[in-house]
Amino acid sequence: MAERHVVSALKRKYGLLKGELQYTAPVDPEPLMRDIGHVGAVILMFSPTEVLTAIRPIRPHKGWRGRWTRRALGILRTERRAMTARALARRLLAAEGIPPTTEAISCAECALHATLGRLEGLGIVRVPGAPKRWRVE
């Protein structure tokens, strides 16, 4: 009898590896293919009836979490003035080297509204008036 938690963890790892291969397109896919084969073999050792083709690829997580917040706070500190989320988003995208398309600006602006709203009172001050403007204390 296979341990269910072991098989579940291996299936997740298998899906992550398949997702990395599918979504990131590495320069040399051979080591990744080898890893997928090894994890698949171990899954079959624990659960011989498992169908490996039924395991879906899992899109890899982008490691941006928190990085934009730190960079946005750094921009607010250096500017020493209140900025709208849109102006801050434009500066942030330029600093990250991302083309300032309408979609990218909108996405970054929404994320900044949520993040700065959460940080309000913890060193971030919302300046009264419209549109919302933020500054660092």
Protein backbone atom coordinates (compact mmCIF):
# COMPACT_ATOMS: atom_id res chain seq x y z
CA MET A 1 0.00 0.00 0.00
CA ALA A 2 1.50 3.30 -1.09
CA GLU A 3 1.64 6.22 1.29
CA ARG A 4 -0.90 8.70 -0.06
CA HIS A 5 0.97 11.78 1.09
CA VAL A 6 4.17 10.61 -0.61
CA VAL A 7 2.39 9.94 -3.90
CA SER A 8 0.57 13.28 -3.66
CA ALA A 9 3.82 15.20 -3.08
CA LEU A 10 5.53 13.36 -5.95
CA LYS A 11 2.63 14.08 -8.30
CA ARG A 12 2.85 17.76 -7.41
CA LYS A 13 6.60 17.77 -8.07
CA TYR A 14 6.01 15.97 -11.37
CA GLY A 15 3.42 18.61 -12.37
CA LEU A 16 5.78 21.44 -11.39
CA LEU A 17 8.58 19.96 -13.47
CA LYS A 18 6.26 19.50 -16.45
CA GLY A 19 5.08 23.08 -16.04
CA GLU A 20 8.62 24.39 -15.92
CA LEU A 21 9.37 22.55 -19.15
CA GLN A 22 6.19 23.74 -20.86
CA TYR A 23 6.03 27.36 -19.71
CA THR A 24 9.66 28.47 -19.35
CA ALA A 25 11.25 26.72 -22.34
CA PRO A 26 14.74 26.21 -20.89
CA VAL A 27 17.78 26.53 -23.16
CA ASP A 28 18.83 22.95 -22.43
CA PRO A 29 15.74 20.85 -21.63
CA GLU A 30 17.69 17.59 -21.25
CA PRO A 31 18.38 17.79 -17.47
CA LEU A 32 14.77 18.75 -16.85
CA MET A 33 13.54 15.83 -18.96
CA ARG A 34 15.78 13.51 -16.95
CA ASP A 35 14.33 14.86 -13.68
CA ILE A 36 10.79 14.36 -14.95
CA GLY A 37 11.63 10.78 -15.87
CA HIS A 38 13.15 10.09 -12.46
CA VAL A 39 10.21 11.54 -10.54
CA GLY A 40 7.82 9.60 -12.78
CA ALA A 41 9.70 6.37 -12.05
CA VAL A 42 9.50 6.98 -8.30
CA ILE A 43 5.76 7.67 -8.57
CA LEU A 44 5.33 4.34 -10.32
CA MET A 45 7.38 2.62 -7.62
CA PHE A 46 4.96 3.84 -4.95
CA SER A 47 1.78 3.56 -7.03
CA PRO A 48 2.14 1.27 -10.08
CA THR A 49 -1.39 2.00 -11.30
CA GLU A 50 -0.79 5.76 -11.53
CA VAL A 51 -1.28 7.30 -15.00
CA LEU A 52 1.53 9.82 -15.48
CA THR A 53 -0.04 11.44 -18.56
CA ALA A 54 -3.03 12.44 -16.42
CA ILE A 55 -0.82 14.69 -14.26
CA ARG A 56 -1.23 18.23 -15.56
CA PRO A 57 1.64 20.72 -15.77
CA ILE A 58 1.62 23.40 -13.07
CA ARG A 59 2.63 26.89 -14.15
CA PRO A 60 5.75 27.96 -12.21
CA HIS A 61 5.41 30.79 -9.72
CA LYS A 62 6.97 34.08 -10.70
CA GLY A 63 9.27 35.22 -7.95
CA TRP A 64 8.13 38.84 -8.07
CA ARG A 65 6.26 38.74 -4.79
CA GLY A 66 7.54 41.50 -2.52
CA ARG A 67 10.20 42.74 -4.92
CA TRP A 68 7.96 45.37 -6.48
CA THR A 69 6.79 46.57 -3.09
CA ARG A 70 10.36 47.16 -1.93
CA ARG A 71 11.23 48.93 -5.17
CA ALA A 72 8.06 51.08 -5.01
CA LEU A 73 8.86 52.10 -1.43
CA GLY A 74 12.39 52.93 -2.53
CA ILE A 75 11.03 55.16 -5.29
CA LEU A 76 8.71 56.92 -2.82
CA ARG A 77 11.64 57.46 -0.43
CA THR A 78 13.88 58.97 -3.09
CA GLU A 79 11.13 61.18 -4.54
CA ARG A 80 10.22 62.64 -1.13
CA ARG A 81 6.83 63.72 -2.49
CA ALA A 82 3.36 62.24 -2.83
CA MET A 83 2.81 60.20 -5.99
CA THR A 84 -0.24 58.63 -7.58
CA ALA A 85 -0.25 54.88 -8.06
CA ARG A 86 -0.17 55.36 -11.83
CA ALA A 87 2.93 57.58 -11.75
CA LEU A 88 4.55 55.17 -9.33
CA ALA A 89 3.63 52.24 -11.60
CA ARG A 90 5.27 53.95 -14.58
CA ARG A 91 8.47 54.57 -12.59
CA LEU A 92 8.40 51.01 -11.26
CA LEU A 93 8.04 49.44 -14.71
CA ALA A 94 10.85 51.62 -16.04
CA ALA A 95 13.08 50.55 -13.14
CA GLU A 96 12.26 46.88 -13.80
CA GLY A 97 12.88 47.25 -17.54
CA ILE A 98 9.32 46.23 -18.45
CA PRO A 99 7.72 47.99 -21.44
CA PRO A 100 5.04 50.42 -20.19
CA THR A 101 2.06 48.96 -22.05
CA THR A 102 -1.43 49.91 -20.96
CA GLU A 103 -1.99 46.43 -19.53
CA ALA A 104 1.27 46.42 -17.57
CA ILE A 105 0.62 49.88 -16.13
CA SER A 106 -2.92 48.93 -15.14
CA CYS A 107 -1.77 45.69 -13.51
CA ALA A 108 1.01 47.40 -11.57
CA GLU A 109 -1.28 50.27 -10.57
CA CYS A 110 -3.93 47.91 -9.15
CA ALA A 111 -1.28 45.95 -7.26
CA LEU A 112 0.15 49.18 -5.84
CA HIS A 113 -3.28 50.40 -4.70
CA ALA A 114 -3.80 47.14 -2.81
CA THR A 115 -0.31 47.04 -1.35
CA LEU A 116 -0.07 50.69 -0.36
CA GLY A 117 -3.55 50.53 1.14
CA ARG A 118 -2.43 47.61 3.32
CA LEU A 119 0.70 49.50 4.38
CA GLU A 120 -1.18 52.70 5.20
CA GLY A 121 -0.36 53.67 8.77
CA LEU A 122 2.80 51.57 8.77
CA GLY A 123 5.03 54.28 7.35
CA ILE A 124 2.89 54.95 4.27
CA VAL A 125 0.61 57.99 4.30
CA ARG A 126 -2.31 58.57 1.96
CA VAL A 127 -2.55 62.24 1.06
CA PRO A 128 -6.16 63.50 1.18
CA GLY A 129 -7.87 64.30 -2.08
CA ALA A 130 -8.39 62.69 -5.41
CA PRO A 131 -6.71 60.90 -7.04
CA LYS A 132 -5.16 58.86 -4.26
CA ARG A 133 -1.57 59.88 -3.64
CA TRP A 134 0.93 58.16 -1.39
CA ARG A 135 4.10 59.21 0.37
CA VAL A 136 6.52 57.70 2.89
CA GLU A 137 6.71 59.20 6.38
